[in-house]
Each structure stands twice: as structure tokens, then as C-alpha cells.
């Protein structure tokens, strides 16, 4: 594997993320660029990156046709307008690899660390767990109501009273949970969050069917 910028050889380098996990990358021995097999989904630690790179704005990196060292696809320059001045990096649309020229990795990492709140402050996972636990309890109670015939009014005499239909409160709670699952599916940025949202939606649909048509 050769560097897409200068064709030089790579050497292995390990970075730490803000959560302490390790991410492997390749460091060009000739031009000082960095290649990631996959664009890091966790933010890198500026201190860890600072051991191998220094923030260096570069305004001359324009109109470069870089080729992915993995699959020979044409790399695509990042079009994020919020990046700091003089910061540029490239990514592969096919394999999701990314290349940061010398000085760019430290510049982008420092900017992300100082301008964006850490991912760990987002309560998606905890919220999803609470929603699923509440949904299971709700469905269990609803199924028992259907089996016991308590969704309608109980007769106080031997005369049979008409059933009032599904409990509106139960249907309302299911609808709110369904909405929460839809929000997780649409706004979730990671596959486990999206999958959890779809799971909540599927359970809600089963709950609607059970309450309306019976077990």
C-alpha cells in the first residue's frame, strides 16, 4: 500500500480516542500524511494525535486528484463548510477510508475537540433502553387485559354489557412509544441506534395488533 499523496511507504501508528479506545492508522514516512482504513467514528484525542502531527493550515491543497490505496477509487475531498480555514482531508466513497495530509489531522482533531460536544453526552442508548423496558411492561399489561376481558366495562349484574373497545390510554402510550422509535430511526447516527429504533417500531406494531384484534 502506497501513500495517495506522494506514493511513499506507510508505517503503522496508533491513536487514542476521547473514550480511551485505540484506533490504528498508517503514517506516510515521506510526506507525513495519515491514512485510515475506516473514517474514525469516535473523536480522536488531540494529545494522542499531537505526538505524531502538528496543526498546520495549508491553503495550497486544492484540486488534488488522489486515488484510494485500497480500491483505486478517486478520493473525494470533504465538503464540510464548518471546517477551520486551511483544513482539508479526503475520503473514499467506496471503502470509507480517509486521508489527512500532514498537519491536517491535528488541525481537524483540535477543532472538533474544542467546538463539538463529546458524543458520550448524547443519551440515545439510555433513552432507548428505557423505552424498550417501558414498552415490554406496557405490552404485557395490555395482553393480560385482553385475556381477562378487562378492556371493556365489567358487568355488575348478570346482564351482558357491550364492550367499550380497546383502552384509549394504552393505545395512546403505544403511539407515543412508536413515535419515539421513529425518532431514533431517523435521527440515530449509528447502526445500533437505528436498529433499536426499528425494533421499537416493530414491537409497537405487534402491540397495536394484539390490542385491537386480540391475542
Foldseek 3Di string as FASTA:
>chain_A
DADQPPRADWDKDWFAFPVGDIAIWTAGPPQGKIKHLADDPGQTDLVRVVVRAAADQDPPPPPDFTADPPPRATWDKDPPPPQDHRAIWTAHPPRNMIMGTGNRSSRRSVCCVPPPDGPVVDCLPVVLVVLVVVLVVLLVVLQVCLVVVVQADDDPDPDDDDGPAGDPVSLVSLVVSLVVLVCQLVPPPDPVSNVSSVVSNVSSVVSVCCRHVND
